[in-house]
Amino acid sequence: MFIQIPSGTPNPGDSNQLDFSNPFDLIVFIILPICIAIFYFIWRRNNKKG
């Protein structure tokens, strides 16, 4: 089984947990999806009126 895993490439087992003390992780995984959802619902509501 270990023969099939290439060395030097990212593997699924190499991933770490999210660190929310890191500002990048906080923005990308929490703030950005919330902003996208809010802007989507505002955009959809404005398109129904027009």
PDB file of N, CA and C in Angstrom:
ATOM      1  N   MET A   1       0.827  -1.185   0.000  1.00  0.00           N
ATOM      2  CA  MET A   1       0.000   0.000   0.000  1.00  0.00           C
ATOM      3  C   MET A   1       0.872   1.250   0.000  1.00  0.00           C
ATOM      4  N   PHE A   2       1.969   1.240   0.713  1.00  0.00           N
ATOM      5  CA  PHE A   2       2.835   2.421   0.775  1.00  0.00           C
ATOM      6  C   PHE A   2       3.565   2.660  -0.538  1.00  0.00           C
ATOM      7  N   ILE A   3       3.646   1.656  -1.366  1.00  0.00           N
ATOM      8  CA  ILE A   3       4.333   1.811  -2.652  1.00  0.00           C
ATOM      9  C   ILE A   3       3.534   2.728  -3.571  1.00  0.00           C
ATOM     10  N   GLN A   4       2.211   2.752  -3.435  1.00  0.00           N
ATOM     11  CA  GLN A   4       1.365   3.543  -4.309  1.00  0.00           C
ATOM     12  C   GLN A   4       1.367   5.031  -3.972  1.00  0.00           C
ATOM     13  N   ILE A   5       1.754   5.411  -2.770  1.00  0.00           N
ATOM     14  CA  ILE A   5       1.743   6.820  -2.367  1.00  0.00           C
ATOM     15  C   ILE A   5       3.037   7.477  -2.838  1.00  0.00           C
ATOM     16  N   PRO A   6       2.950   8.438  -3.775  1.00  0.00           N
ATOM     17  CA  PRO A   6       4.162   9.107  -4.255  1.00  0.00           C
ATOM     18  C   PRO A   6       4.739  10.023  -3.181  1.00  0.00           C
ATOM     19  N   SER A   7       6.047  10.074  -3.112  1.00  0.00           N
ATOM     20  CA  SER A   7       6.685  10.941  -2.125  1.00  0.00           C
ATOM     21  C   SER A   7       6.800  12.353  -2.680  1.00  0.00           C
ATOM     22  N   GLY A   8       6.714  13.337  -1.794  1.00  0.00           N
ATOM     23  CA  GLY A   8       6.859  14.724  -2.197  1.00  0.00           C
ATOM     24  C   GLY A   8       5.593  15.364  -2.720  1.00  0.00           C
ATOM     25  N   THR A   9       4.470  14.683  -2.666  1.00  0.00           N
ATOM     26  CA  THR A   9       3.197  15.249  -3.097  1.00  0.00           C
ATOM     27  C   THR A   9       2.251  15.312  -1.906  1.00  0.00           C
ATOM     28  N   PRO A  10       1.300  16.263  -1.900  1.00  0.00           N
ATOM     29  CA  PRO A  10       0.347  16.319  -0.791  1.00  0.00           C
ATOM     30  C   PRO A  10      -0.593  15.120  -0.816  1.00  0.00           C
ATOM     31  N   ASN A  11      -0.757  14.493   0.309  1.00  0.00           N
ATOM     32  CA  ASN A  11      -1.617  13.325   0.438  1.00  0.00           C
ATOM     33  C   ASN A  11      -2.770  13.646   1.382  1.00  0.00           C
ATOM     34  N   PRO A  12      -3.901  12.950   1.278  1.00  0.00           N
ATOM     35  CA  PRO A  12      -5.035  13.240   2.167  1.00  0.00           C
ATOM     36  C   PRO A  12      -4.704  13.063   3.648  1.00  0.00           C
ATOM     37  N   GLY A  13      -3.818  12.174   3.973  1.00  0.00           N
ATOM     38  CA  GLY A  13      -3.464  11.956   5.369  1.00  0.00           C
ATOM     39  C   GLY A  13      -2.560  13.030   5.954  1.00  0.00           C
ATOM     40  N   ASP A  14      -2.045  13.927   5.113  1.00  0.00           N
ATOM     41  CA  ASP A  14      -1.134  14.973   5.577  1.00  0.00           C
ATOM     42  C   ASP A  14      -1.853  16.231   6.055  1.00  0.00           C
ATOM     43  N   SER A  15      -3.177  16.307   5.897  1.00  0.00           N
ATOM     44  CA  SER A  15      -3.892  17.539   6.231  1.00  0.00           C
ATOM     45  C   SER A  15      -3.984  17.708   7.745  1.00  0.00           C
ATOM     46  N   ASN A  16      -3.956  18.962   8.169  1.00  0.00           N
ATOM     47  CA  ASN A  16      -4.055  19.313   9.578  1.00  0.00           C
ATOM     48  C   ASN A  16      -5.430  19.886   9.863  1.00  0.00           C
ATOM     49  N   GLN A  17      -5.752  20.045  11.140  1.00  0.00           N
ATOM     50  CA  GLN A  17      -7.000  20.686  11.518  1.00  0.00           C
ATOM     51  C   GLN A  17      -6.900  22.184  11.266  1.00  0.00           C
ATOM     52  N   LEU A  18      -8.054  22.836  11.152  1.00  0.00           N
ATOM     53  CA  LEU A  18      -8.067  24.276  10.950  1.00  0.00           C
ATOM     54  C   LEU A  18      -7.621  24.978  12.221  1.00  0.00           C
ATOM     55  N   ASP A  19      -6.813  26.008  12.040  1.00  0.00           N
ATOM     56  CA  ASP A  19      -6.327  26.804  13.159  1.00  0.00           C
ATOM     57  C   ASP A  19      -6.981  28.176  13.061  1.00  0.00           C
ATOM     58  N   PHE A  20      -8.019  28.413  13.868  1.00  0.00           N
ATOM     59  CA  PHE A  20      -8.754  29.665  13.770  1.00  0.00           C
ATOM     60  C   PHE A  20      -8.035  30.828  14.427  1.00  0.00           C
ATOM     61  N   SER A  21      -6.888  30.597  15.026  1.00  0.00           N
ATOM     62  CA  SER A  21      -6.088  31.715  15.510  1.00  0.00           C
ATOM     63  C   SER A  21      -5.283  32.317  14.359  1.00  0.00           C
ATOM     64  N   ASN A  22      -5.199  31.583  13.242  1.00  0.00           N
ATOM     65  CA  ASN A  22      -4.548  32.094  12.038  1.00  0.00           C
ATOM     66  C   ASN A  22      -5.566  32.952  11.280  1.00  0.00           C
ATOM     67  N   PRO A  23      -5.268  34.232  11.027  1.00  0.00           N
ATOM     68  CA  PRO A  23      -6.247  35.106  10.361  1.00  0.00           C
ATOM     69  C   PRO A  23      -6.657  34.617   8.976  1.00  0.00           C
ATOM     70  N   PHE A  24      -5.757  34.004   8.225  1.00  0.00           N
ATOM     71  CA  PHE A  24      -6.090  33.515   6.892  1.00  0.00           C
ATOM     72  C   PHE A  24      -7.167  32.441   6.956  1.00  0.00           C
ATOM     73  N   ASP A  25      -7.015  31.473   7.859  1.00  0.00           N
ATOM     74  CA  ASP A  25      -8.005  30.412   8.008  1.00  0.00           C
ATOM     75  C   ASP A  25      -9.351  30.978   8.445  1.00  0.00           C
ATOM     76  N   LEU A  26      -9.333  31.944   9.339  1.00  0.00           N
ATOM     77  CA  LEU A  26     -10.560  32.552   9.830  1.00  0.00           C
ATOM     78  C   LEU A  26     -11.297  33.266   8.704  1.00  0.00           C
ATOM     79  N   ILE A  27     -10.577  34.032   7.892  1.00  0.00           N
ATOM     80  CA  ILE A  27     -11.204  34.770   6.795  1.00  0.00           C
ATOM     81  C   ILE A  27     -11.722  33.825   5.719  1.00  0.00           C
ATOM     82  N   VAL A  28     -10.904  32.859   5.303  1.00  0.00           N
ATOM     83  CA  VAL A  28     -11.276  31.996   4.185  1.00  0.00           C
ATOM     84  C   VAL A  28     -12.396  31.026   4.545  1.00  0.00           C
ATOM     85  N   PHE A  29     -12.401  30.477   5.736  1.00  0.00           N
ATOM     86  CA  PHE A  29     -13.347  29.418   6.068  1.00  0.00           C
ATOM     87  C   PHE A  29     -14.562  29.886   6.866  1.00  0.00           C
ATOM     88  N   ILE A  30     -14.556  31.101   7.413  1.00  0.00           N
ATOM     89  CA  ILE A  30     -15.694  31.581   8.197  1.00  0.00           C
ATOM     90  C   ILE A  30     -16.286  32.854   7.586  1.00  0.00           C
ATOM     91  N   ILE A  31     -15.490  33.899   7.478  1.00  0.00           N
ATOM     92  CA  ILE A  31     -16.011  35.209   7.080  1.00  0.00           C
ATOM     93  C   ILE A  31     -16.388  35.239   5.602  1.00  0.00           C
ATOM     94  N   LEU A  32     -15.555  34.726   4.724  1.00  0.00           N
ATOM     95  CA  LEU A  32     -15.812  34.763   3.283  1.00  0.00           C
ATOM     96  C   LEU A  32     -17.073  33.979   2.892  1.00  0.00           C
ATOM     97  N   PRO A  33     -17.291  32.755   3.372  1.00  0.00           N
ATOM     98  CA  PRO A  33     -18.549  32.058   3.018  1.00  0.00           C
ATOM     99  C   PRO A  33     -19.797  32.780   3.522  1.00  0.00           C
ATOM    100  N   ILE A  34     -19.726  33.384   4.705  1.00  0.00           N
ATOM    101  CA  ILE A  34     -20.874  34.126   5.223  1.00  0.00           C
ATOM    102  C   ILE A  34     -21.161  35.339   4.342  1.00  0.00           C
ATOM    103  N   CYS A  35     -20.117  36.060   3.937  1.00  0.00           N
ATOM    104  CA  CYS A  35     -20.299  37.224   3.058  1.00  0.00           C
ATOM    105  C   CYS A  35     -20.857  36.814   1.704  1.00  0.00           C
ATOM    106  N   ILE A  36     -20.388  35.715   1.153  1.00  0.00           N
ATOM    107  CA  ILE A  36     -20.895  35.237  -0.140  1.00  0.00           C
ATOM    108  C   ILE A  36     -22.377  34.889  -0.023  1.00  0.00           C
ATOM    109  N   ALA A  37     -22.773  34.228   1.051  1.00  0.00           N
ATOM    110  CA  ALA A  37     -24.178  33.864   1.232  1.00  0.00           C
ATOM    111  C   ALA A  37     -25.043  35.111   1.374  1.00  0.00           C
ATOM    112  N   ILE A  38     -24.603  36.088   2.147  1.00  0.00           N
ATOM    113  CA  ILE A  38     -25.373  37.322   2.330  1.00  0.00           C
ATOM    114  C   ILE A  38     -25.522  38.065   1.008  1.00  0.00           C
ATOM    115  N   PHE A  39     -24.429  38.222   0.263  1.00  0.00           N
ATOM    116  CA  PHE A  39     -24.499  38.925  -1.017  1.00  0.00           C
ATOM    117  C   PHE A  39     -25.352  38.160  -2.030  1.00  0.00           C
ATOM    118  N   TYR A  40     -25.355  36.836  -1.987  1.00  0.00           N
ATOM    119  CA  TYR A  40     -26.179  36.044  -2.894  1.00  0.00           C
ATOM    120  C   TYR A  40     -27.657  36.298  -2.628  1.00  0.00           C
ATOM    121  N   PHE A  41     -28.056  36.279  -1.349  1.00  0.00           N
ATOM    122  CA  PHE A  41     -29.464  36.493  -1.037  1.00  0.00           C
ATOM    123  C   PHE A  41     -29.894  37.918  -1.363  1.00  0.00           C
ATOM    124  N   ILE A  42     -29.037  38.902  -1.152  1.00  0.00           N
ATOM    125  CA  ILE A  42     -29.351  40.287  -1.528  1.00  0.00           C
ATOM    126  C   ILE A  42     -29.482  40.399  -3.038  1.00  0.00           C
ATOM    127  N   TRP A  43     -28.581  39.785  -3.776  1.00  0.00           N
ATOM    128  CA  TRP A  43     -28.621  39.831  -5.240  1.00  0.00           C
ATOM    129  C   TRP A  43     -29.878  39.149  -5.776  1.00  0.00           C
ATOM    130  N   ARG A  44     -30.238  38.014  -5.182  1.00  0.00           N
ATOM    131  CA  ARG A  44     -31.414  37.280  -5.639  1.00  0.00           C
ATOM    132  C   ARG A  44     -32.694  38.057  -5.356  1.00  0.00           C
ATOM    133  N   ARG A  45     -32.760  38.728  -4.193  1.00  0.00           N
ATOM    134  CA  ARG A  45     -33.938  39.519  -3.856  1.00  0.00           C
ATOM    135  C   ARG A  45     -34.067  40.713  -4.805  1.00  0.00           C
ATOM    136  N   ASN A  46     -32.938  41.354  -5.171  1.00  0.00           N
ATOM    137  CA  ASN A  46     -32.984  42.488  -6.081  1.00  0.00           C
ATOM    138  C   ASN A  46     -33.359  42.058  -7.492  1.00  0.00           C
ATOM    139  N   ASN A  47     -32.989  40.873  -7.927  1.00  0.00           N
ATOM    140  CA  ASN A  47     -33.354  40.395  -9.256  1.00  0.00           C
ATOM    141  C   ASN A  47     -34.835  40.059  -9.361  1.00  0.00           C
ATOM    142  N   LYS A  48     -35.459  39.612  -8.277  1.00  0.00           N
ATOM    143  CA  LYS A  48     -36.887  39.303  -8.311  1.00  0.00           C
ATOM    144  C   LYS A  48     -37.718  40.568  -8.431  1.00  0.00           C
ATOM    145  N   LYS A  49     -37.238  41.685  -7.886  1.00  0.00           N
ATOM    146  CA  LYS A  49     -37.987  42.950  -7.949  1.00  0.00           C
ATOM    147  C   LYS A  49     -37.973  43.523  -9.368  1.00  0.00           C
ATOM    148  N   GLY A  50     -36.892  43.305 -10.089  1.00  0.00           N
ATOM    149  CA  GLY A  50     -36.729  43.934 -11.391  1.00  0.00           C
ATOM    150  C   GLY A  50     -37.239  43.206 -12.510  1.00  0.00           C
TER     151      GLY A  50
END
